[in-house]
Amino acid sequence: MASLQGKKILLGITGSIAAYKAAFFVRLLVKQGAEVRVIMTPAATSFVGPVTLSTLSKNPVITGLTEGNEWSNHVALGLWADAMIIAPATAHTIAKMAAGLADNMLQAVYLSARCPVFIAPAMDLDMWQHPATRHNVAKLVQFGHHLIQPDTGELASGLTGQGRMAEPEQLIRILEDFFAKRQSLKGKTVLITAGPTYEPIDPVRFIGNRSSGKMGIALAREAARRGATVELILGPSSQKMDHPAVHVTRVTTAEQMLQAAQTYFPQADITILAAAVADFRPEVTAPQKIKKQKGQDTLTLQLVKNPDIAATLAKDKKSGQLLIGFALETHDAIANAKKKLVAKGFDFIVLNDLQDPGAGFDHDTNKVRFLFKDNKAQEFQLKHKQQVAADIFDAIEDLTQSDP
């Protein structure tokens, strides 16, 4: 397809039985008009021959820091590519990528690459589910890399479960989709709220919630990837955002978040309210730390309602602006989310149900359902939050394209 015509693709192959799929993948890339360079780890050569891949790619295959009497320039390769994809990516290679090691040519090129990086894991079920692997994968996604979830099926061990590398045809579709959407939001301004709010009780204590801000950060990355200018209003969070297209405003309280949102909302084409805002705050904030008095068994706090950011912005919503909200529920999830969708004037709402394992606060994954104003709904399986962000923007772009 045209989206891969002339694209420079750097393919890294590591030591997995799934390396045989790389030959089919290279053939498809070349057929789509891409220029392909292949780098193999020493272990990968045990599973598929460099001669095969060299023939298919029409370029020499690189297996070491030197080839013959010539030095393989890892910096030049890293600068050459429009995209780098590591397929298959073993648990060992993923761990080295997360740690920043450069003990082979593939790792050296990876650390030199300025292009988008895609990772297609392949390993056994228990290796994929191990906390160390999950930690390393999450770290790579935080770097801004694109995770291609492994498929579920029969594995080399004879077990059945998640761990199979995605098929070459799926990898092609993902790359095509990426390049097609790379500038799909160019010229648009996206406003995103993320993280919790903290409402001070005294200089030491506060009322807050367990939101990490990971979902909002993922949304900001995805909007920037699609070419948008992004205004991110981030509550108290340890998450970092350093994308040049994302301007970050740090806030603490719900009132501060509202003030910042009102500043940027008039210019925003798309607003996504992903923050978990405290509904109430102490009526009075003590100027000094509240001390426990002798014989005191209880402490009463008078709480007052915080401003409703969504409802406030909705009153000033102009024609053509999109407003998307989130609903995190613990019971009667769909009914409560539908009420919120109507009451807050959202174009659609993203529902998280805390009853779903792996969804909600402080996870790297989320399981969501989209509810639209026309009663249409769209449900997804458990995914990494970066992939959930892509689904959300796909839905936003569908809404934009369907407008008369």
Protein backbone atom coordinates (compact mmCIF):
# COMPACT_ATOMS: atom_id res chain seq x y z
CA MET A 1 0.00 0.00 0.00
CA ALA A 2 1.02 3.60 -0.51
CA SER A 3 1.59 4.22 3.20
CA LEU A 4 4.73 2.00 3.16
CA GLN A 5 5.96 3.01 -0.28
CA GLY A 6 9.49 4.34 0.08
CA LYS A 7 9.54 3.94 3.87
CA LYS A 8 12.85 2.85 5.40
CA ILE A 9 12.23 -0.02 7.81
CA LEU A 10 14.89 -1.38 10.14
CA LEU A 11 14.04 -4.93 11.23
CA GLY A 12 15.71 -6.45 14.29
CA ILE A 13 15.48 -10.22 14.69
CA THR A 14 16.32 -12.00 17.94
CA GLY A 15 16.76 -15.62 18.99
CA SER A 16 13.25 -17.05 18.99
CA ILE A 17 11.60 -19.85 17.06
CA ALA A 18 9.30 -17.12 15.74
CA ALA A 19 12.26 -15.78 13.75
CA TYR A 20 11.05 -17.89 10.81
CA LYS A 21 8.17 -15.41 10.45
CA ALA A 22 10.68 -12.66 9.72
CA ALA A 23 11.25 -14.04 6.22
CA PHE A 24 7.55 -13.66 5.39
CA PHE A 25 7.49 -10.22 7.00
CA VAL A 26 10.46 -8.98 4.97
CA ARG A 27 8.86 -10.27 1.78
CA LEU A 28 5.63 -8.37 2.57
CA LEU A 29 7.52 -5.18 3.41
CA VAL A 30 9.40 -5.25 0.11
CA LYS A 31 6.18 -6.03 -1.75
CA GLN A 32 4.62 -2.91 -0.19
CA GLY A 33 7.47 -0.81 -1.53
CA ALA A 34 9.46 -0.41 1.68
CA GLU A 35 13.25 -0.39 1.83
CA VAL A 36 14.36 -2.94 4.43
CA ARG A 37 17.58 -3.40 6.37
CA VAL A 38 17.87 -6.42 8.66
CA ILE A 39 19.91 -6.76 11.86
CA MET A 40 20.17 -10.15 13.55
CA THR A 41 21.47 -11.10 16.95
CA PRO A 42 23.91 -14.03 16.95
CA ALA A 43 21.22 -16.24 18.51
CA ALA A 44 18.75 -15.37 15.72
CA THR A 45 21.02 -16.90 13.07
CA SER A 46 20.34 -20.32 14.63
CA PHE A 47 16.68 -20.06 13.63
CA VAL A 48 16.77 -18.41 10.20
CA GLY A 49 19.66 -17.90 7.79
CA PRO A 50 21.05 -14.44 6.98
CA VAL A 51 21.34 -15.44 3.31
CA THR A 52 17.56 -15.93 3.11
CA LEU A 53 16.86 -12.51 4.61
CA SER A 54 19.53 -10.82 2.52
CA THR A 55 17.98 -12.25 -0.62
CA LEU A 56 14.48 -11.17 0.36
CA SER A 57 15.46 -7.68 1.56
CA LYS A 58 17.92 -7.07 -1.31
CA ASN A 59 20.36 -5.70 1.29
CA PRO A 60 23.20 -7.28 3.27
CA VAL A 61 22.13 -8.62 6.65
CA ILE A 62 24.07 -7.23 9.62
CA THR A 63 24.93 -9.64 12.42
CA GLY A 64 27.86 -7.97 14.16
CA LEU A 65 29.58 -4.70 14.88
CA THR A 66 31.89 -5.53 11.99
CA GLU A 67 31.04 -7.27 8.72
CA GLY A 68 34.14 -8.71 7.05
CA ASN A 69 36.77 -6.02 7.35
CA GLU A 70 34.26 -3.16 7.59
CA TRP A 71 32.72 -1.49 10.60
CA SER A 72 28.92 -1.50 10.72
CA ASN A 73 27.91 2.05 11.55
CA HIS A 74 25.16 1.70 14.14
CA VAL A 75 24.65 5.47 14.36
CA ALA A 76 24.08 5.81 10.62
CA LEU A 77 21.58 2.94 10.67
CA GLY A 78 19.73 4.50 13.59
CA LEU A 79 19.43 7.78 11.69
CA TRP A 80 18.51 6.10 8.40
CA ALA A 81 15.25 4.45 9.43
CA ASP A 82 11.70 5.80 9.36
CA ALA A 83 10.76 3.04 11.81
CA MET A 84 12.52 0.26 13.67
CA ILE A 85 10.66 -2.95 14.48
CA ILE A 86 12.05 -5.77 16.60
CA ALA A 87 10.21 -8.94 15.62
CA PRO A 88 10.52 -11.31 17.29
CA ALA A 89 11.61 -9.65 20.53
CA THR A 90 12.64 -12.16 23.20
CA ALA A 91 12.38 -11.58 26.94
CA HIS A 92 16.19 -11.30 27.02
CA THR A 93 16.32 -8.58 24.36
CA ILE A 94 13.41 -6.69 25.96
CA ALA A 95 15.28 -6.72 29.28
CA LYS A 96 18.45 -5.39 27.62
CA MET A 97 16.49 -2.66 25.84
CA ALA A 98 14.91 -1.59 29.12
CA ALA A 99 18.31 -1.54 30.81
CA GLY A 100 20.01 0.36 27.96
CA LEU A 101 22.62 -2.33 27.29
CA ALA A 102 24.58 -2.37 24.03
CA ASP A 103 26.36 -5.73 23.89
CA ASN A 104 25.45 -6.51 20.27
CA MET A 105 24.77 -4.69 17.04
CA LEU A 106 21.01 -4.74 17.43
CA GLN A 107 21.23 -3.10 20.87
CA ALA A 108 23.70 -0.50 19.61
CA VAL A 109 21.42 0.46 16.73
CA TYR A 110 18.38 0.53 19.01
CA LEU A 111 20.10 3.01 21.34
CA SER A 112 21.05 5.15 18.33
CA ALA A 113 17.63 5.14 16.68
CA ARG A 114 15.71 8.41 16.53
CA CYS A 115 12.75 6.86 14.73
CA PRO A 116 9.63 5.25 16.23
CA VAL A 117 10.35 1.79 17.66
CA PHE A 118 7.91 -1.13 17.48
CA ILE A 119 8.30 -4.24 19.63
CA ALA A 120 6.66 -7.59 18.77
CA PRO A 121 7.35 -9.96 21.69
CA ALA A 122 7.60 -13.74 21.30
CA MET A 123 8.10 -16.03 24.28
CA ASP A 124 6.42 -18.68 26.37
CA LEU A 125 3.32 -17.94 28.43
CA ASP A 126 5.00 -17.87 31.85
CA MET A 127 7.89 -15.74 30.58
CA TRP A 128 5.42 -13.20 29.14
CA GLN A 129 3.46 -13.08 32.38
CA HIS A 130 6.49 -12.86 34.66
CA PRO A 131 6.60 -9.62 36.70
CA ALA A 132 10.11 -8.85 35.44
CA THR A 133 8.98 -9.04 31.80
CA ARG A 134 5.88 -6.98 32.53
CA HIS A 135 8.04 -4.36 34.23
CA ASN A 136 10.47 -4.21 31.31
CA VAL A 137 7.68 -3.97 28.73
CA ALA A 138 6.00 -1.18 30.69
CA LYS A 139 9.29 0.68 30.83
CA LEU A 140 9.72 0.47 27.05
CA VAL A 141 6.19 1.75 26.52
CA GLN A 142 6.98 4.65 28.86
CA PHE A 143 9.91 5.41 26.56
CA GLY A 144 7.28 5.99 23.87
CA HIS A 145 7.79 2.71 22.00
CA HIS A 146 4.91 0.85 20.38
CA LEU A 147 4.06 -2.55 21.84
CA ILE A 148 2.51 -5.11 19.49
CA GLN A 149 0.72 -7.50 21.80
CA PRO A 150 1.54 -11.18 21.29
CA ASP A 151 -1.25 -13.47 20.12
CA THR A 152 -2.80 -16.32 22.07
CA GLY A 153 -2.42 -19.88 20.78
CA GLU A 154 -0.23 -22.95 20.89
CA LEU A 155 3.34 -22.11 21.93
CA ALA A 156 6.63 -23.84 21.19
CA SER A 157 6.58 -25.39 24.66
CA GLY A 158 3.31 -27.15 23.89
CA LEU A 159 1.39 -24.88 26.26
CA THR A 160 -1.47 -22.73 25.05
CA GLY A 161 -1.64 -19.07 25.99
CA GLN A 162 -0.43 -15.59 25.14
CA GLY A 163 3.10 -15.32 23.79
CA ARG A 164 2.96 -15.99 20.03
CA MET A 165 4.47 -13.23 17.92
CA ALA A 166 1.89 -11.36 15.87
CA GLU A 167 1.59 -12.60 12.31
CA PRO A 168 3.49 -10.76 9.53
CA GLU A 169 0.23 -9.54 7.95
CA GLN A 170 -0.75 -7.93 11.27
CA LEU A 171 2.65 -6.26 11.57
CA ILE A 172 2.20 -4.80 8.09
CA ARG A 173 -1.24 -3.42 9.01
CA ILE A 174 0.15 -1.83 12.18
CA LEU A 175 2.94 -0.09 10.29
CA GLU A 176 0.56 1.05 7.55
CA ASP A 177 -1.83 2.40 10.17
CA PHE A 178 0.99 4.20 11.97
CA PHE A 179 2.25 6.02 8.89
CA ALA A 180 -1.28 6.80 7.68
CA LYS A 181 -2.17 8.42 11.02
CA ARG A 182 1.14 10.09 11.69
CA GLN A 183 -0.18 13.56 10.81
CA SER A 184 -3.91 12.90 11.05
CA LEU A 185 -4.33 15.53 13.80
CA LYS A 186 -1.91 18.08 12.37
CA GLY A 187 -3.21 21.59 13.01
CA LYS A 188 -5.47 20.42 15.86
CA THR A 189 -5.13 21.39 19.52
CA VAL A 190 -5.88 18.68 22.08
CA LEU A 191 -6.51 19.47 25.76
CA ILE A 192 -6.08 16.60 28.23
CA THR A 193 -6.48 16.50 32.01
CA ALA A 194 -4.69 13.70 33.83
CA GLY A 195 -3.79 12.36 37.24
CA PRO A 196 -5.42 12.95 40.62
CA THR A 197 -6.12 16.13 42.50
CA TYR A 198 -5.02 16.60 46.10
CA GLU A 199 -7.16 18.70 48.42
CA PRO A 200 -5.13 19.86 51.44
CA ILE A 201 -6.32 19.24 54.98
CA ASP A 202 -3.22 20.85 56.46
CA PRO A 203 0.37 21.34 55.21
CA VAL A 204 0.99 17.57 55.63
CA ARG A 205 -2.25 15.75 54.86
CA PHE A 206 -4.64 15.79 51.93
CA ILE A 207 -7.69 14.14 50.41
CA GLY A 208 -6.80 12.39 47.16
CA ASN A 209 -7.19 9.20 45.15
CA ARG A 210 -5.09 6.45 43.60
CA SER A 211 -4.87 7.84 40.06
CA SER A 212 -1.34 7.63 38.61
CA GLY A 213 -1.88 9.78 35.51
CA LYS A 214 -0.68 6.96 33.22
CA MET A 215 -3.79 7.01 31.04
CA GLY A 216 -3.63 10.76 30.48
CA ILE A 217 0.09 10.58 29.70
CA ALA A 218 -0.61 7.84 27.14
CA LEU A 219 -3.31 10.02 25.56
CA ALA A 220 -0.92 12.97 25.33
CA ARG A 221 1.72 10.80 23.63
CA GLU A 222 -0.81 9.47 21.13
CA ALA A 223 -2.17 12.92 20.27
CA ALA A 224 1.37 14.20 19.72
CA ARG A 225 2.21 11.16 17.59
CA ARG A 226 -0.71 12.05 15.33
CA GLY A 227 0.61 15.57 14.86
CA ALA A 228 -1.53 17.53 17.34
CA THR A 229 -0.44 20.35 19.60
CA VAL A 230 -1.18 19.09 23.10
CA GLU A 231 -1.99 20.94 26.31
CA LEU A 232 -1.66 18.49 29.23
CA ILE A 233 -2.94 19.55 32.65
CA LEU A 234 -1.37 17.10 35.07
CA GLY A 235 -2.24 16.67 38.73
CA PRO A 236 0.20 15.39 41.37
CA SER A 237 1.86 12.46 39.61
CA SER A 238 5.30 10.88 39.39
CA GLN A 239 4.79 10.35 35.64
CA LYS A 240 7.04 12.31 33.27
CA MET A 241 6.16 13.86 29.91
CA ASP A 242 8.89 15.38 27.77
CA HIS A 243 7.49 15.26 24.24
CA PRO A 244 8.26 18.52 22.41
CA ALA A 245 4.67 18.80 21.13
CA VAL A 246 3.19 18.49 24.64
CA HIS A 247 2.98 21.54 26.91
CA VAL A 248 2.50 20.48 30.54
CA THR A 249 0.75 22.54 33.21
CA ARG A 250 1.19 21.12 36.70
CA VAL A 251 -1.63 21.59 39.20
CA THR A 252 -2.56 20.20 42.60
CA THR A 253 -6.20 20.94 43.43
CA ALA A 254 -9.46 20.65 41.54
CA GLU A 255 -9.87 24.43 41.48
CA GLN A 256 -6.40 24.84 39.97
CA MET A 257 -7.21 22.20 37.35
CA LEU A 258 -10.44 23.99 36.45
CA GLN A 259 -8.66 27.35 36.08
CA ALA A 260 -6.05 25.81 33.79
CA ALA A 261 -8.70 23.98 31.76
CA GLN A 262 -10.71 27.17 31.28
CA THR A 263 -7.56 28.87 30.00
CA TYR A 264 -6.92 26.33 27.24
CA PHE A 265 -10.43 25.07 26.47
CA PRO A 266 -11.53 27.89 24.11
CA GLN A 267 -8.69 27.05 21.68
CA ALA A 268 -9.03 23.26 21.97
CA ASP A 269 -10.50 21.23 19.13
CA ILE A 270 -10.59 18.09 21.27
CA THR A 271 -10.77 17.92 25.07
CA ILE A 272 -10.33 14.67 26.99
CA LEU A 273 -10.99 14.76 30.73
CA ALA A 274 -9.03 11.76 31.99
CA ALA A 275 -8.16 13.20 35.42
CA ALA A 276 -9.63 11.70 38.58
CA VAL A 277 -10.83 14.87 40.28
CA ALA A 278 -11.74 14.88 43.97
CA ASP A 279 -15.45 15.56 44.37
CA PHE A 280 -15.02 17.28 47.74
CA ARG A 281 -12.40 19.35 49.56
CA PRO A 282 -12.03 20.48 53.18
CA GLU A 283 -13.96 23.67 53.81
CA VAL A 284 -11.01 24.99 55.81
CA THR A 285 -7.33 24.14 55.36
CA ALA A 286 -5.43 24.27 58.62
CA PRO A 287 -2.34 26.54 58.37
CA GLN A 288 -0.34 24.16 60.56
CA LYS A 289 -0.25 20.40 61.01
CA ILE A 290 -3.28 19.24 62.99
CA LYS A 291 -2.12 17.64 66.22
CA LYS A 292 -3.93 14.86 68.00
CA GLN A 293 -5.23 16.14 71.30
CA LYS A 294 -5.07 14.14 74.49
CA GLY A 295 -8.11 11.91 74.76
CA GLN A 296 -9.18 12.64 71.19
CA ASP A 297 -10.63 9.62 69.37
CA THR A 298 -12.23 11.27 66.34
CA LEU A 299 -11.63 14.11 63.94
CA THR A 300 -14.42 15.76 61.99
CA LEU A 301 -13.77 17.42 58.66
CA GLN A 302 -16.34 19.64 57.02
CA LEU A 303 -16.19 19.01 53.28
CA VAL A 304 -17.54 21.20 50.49
CA LYS A 305 -18.19 20.30 46.88
CA ASN A 306 -15.48 20.91 44.30
CA PRO A 307 -16.34 22.56 40.98
CA ASP A 308 -17.52 20.22 38.24
CA ILE A 309 -14.87 20.69 35.55
CA ALA A 310 -16.75 18.78 32.83
CA ALA A 311 -20.06 20.55 33.38
CA THR A 312 -18.35 23.95 33.54
CA LEU A 313 -16.51 23.44 30.26
CA ALA A 314 -19.57 21.97 28.57
CA LYS A 315 -21.46 25.24 29.08
CA ASP A 316 -18.89 27.01 26.88
CA LYS A 317 -18.55 24.25 24.31
CA LYS A 318 -18.70 25.57 20.75
CA SER A 319 -19.84 23.86 17.59
CA GLY A 320 -17.09 21.58 16.29
CA GLN A 321 -15.44 21.04 19.67
CA LEU A 322 -15.32 17.47 20.98
CA LEU A 323 -15.55 16.73 24.70
CA ILE A 324 -14.68 13.22 25.93
CA GLY A 325 -14.90 12.02 29.51
CA PHE A 326 -13.97 9.04 31.66
CA ALA A 327 -16.09 7.10 34.13
CA LEU A 328 -14.49 4.84 36.73
CA GLU A 329 -17.17 2.73 38.36
CA THR A 330 -17.34 -0.01 40.97
CA HIS A 331 -20.99 -1.07 40.48
CA ASP A 332 -23.82 -0.51 37.97
CA ALA A 333 -21.04 0.63 35.66
CA ILE A 334 -22.94 1.01 32.38
CA ALA A 335 -25.98 2.71 33.91
CA ASN A 336 -23.85 5.17 35.87
CA ALA A 337 -21.65 5.93 32.87
CA LYS A 338 -24.68 6.61 30.66
CA LYS A 339 -26.02 9.08 33.21
CA LYS A 340 -22.67 10.84 33.30
CA LEU A 341 -22.48 10.91 29.49
CA VAL A 342 -25.77 12.84 29.30
CA ALA A 343 -25.31 15.01 32.40
CA LYS A 344 -21.84 16.23 31.44
CA GLY A 345 -22.54 16.76 27.75
CA PHE A 346 -19.81 14.40 26.53
CA ASP A 347 -19.59 13.30 22.91
CA PHE A 348 -18.62 9.90 24.24
CA ILE A 349 -17.42 8.46 27.52
CA VAL A 350 -14.70 5.91 28.30
CA LEU A 351 -15.87 3.48 30.96
CA ASN A 352 -13.50 1.66 33.32
CA ASP A 353 -14.98 -0.96 35.63
CA LEU A 354 -12.83 -1.64 38.69
CA GLN A 355 -14.33 -5.14 38.78
CA ASP A 356 -12.24 -5.97 35.68
CA PRO A 357 -8.76 -7.31 36.63
CA GLY A 358 -5.96 -5.13 35.28
CA ALA A 359 -8.20 -2.08 34.80
CA GLY A 360 -8.31 1.23 36.64
CA PHE A 361 -5.78 3.08 38.75
CA ASP A 362 -2.02 2.53 38.68
CA HIS A 363 -2.06 -0.34 36.19
CA ASP A 364 -0.17 -0.24 32.90
CA THR A 365 -3.21 -1.88 31.32
CA ASN A 366 -6.86 -0.95 31.04
CA LYS A 367 -10.08 -2.59 29.90
CA VAL A 368 -12.53 -0.05 28.57
CA ARG A 369 -15.89 0.37 26.90
CA PHE A 370 -16.90 3.42 24.84
CA LEU A 371 -20.47 4.70 25.21
CA PHE A 372 -21.75 7.17 22.61
CA LYS A 373 -24.67 9.60 22.57
CA ASP A 374 -26.58 7.53 19.99
CA ASN A 375 -26.56 4.50 22.36
CA LYS A 376 -23.83 2.84 20.32
CA ALA A 377 -21.19 1.08 22.41
CA GLN A 378 -17.77 -0.37 21.68
CA GLU A 379 -16.05 -2.83 24.03
CA PHE A 380 -12.36 -3.78 24.09
CA GLN A 381 -10.23 -6.48 25.64
CA LEU A 382 -7.57 -5.74 28.26
CA LYS A 383 -4.81 -3.71 26.58
CA HIS A 384 -1.82 -1.60 27.46
CA LYS A 385 -2.87 1.97 28.13
CA GLN A 386 -0.90 3.23 25.15
CA GLN A 387 -3.02 1.00 22.92
CA VAL A 388 -6.18 2.16 24.69
CA ALA A 389 -5.12 5.72 23.89
CA ALA A 390 -4.85 4.80 20.20
CA ASP A 391 -8.36 3.29 20.31
CA ILE A 392 -9.71 6.49 21.87
CA PHE A 393 -8.21 8.67 19.16
CA ASP A 394 -9.43 6.28 16.46
CA ALA A 395 -12.96 6.81 17.83
CA ILE A 396 -12.41 10.58 17.95
CA GLU A 397 -11.28 10.63 14.33
CA ASP A 398 -14.28 8.51 13.31
CA LEU A 399 -16.57 11.06 14.97
CA THR A 400 -14.80 13.93 13.22
CA GLN A 401 -15.07 12.25 9.83
CA SER A 402 -18.76 11.42 10.33
CA ASP A 403 -19.69 15.05 11.09
CA PRO A 404 -21.53 16.71 8.19
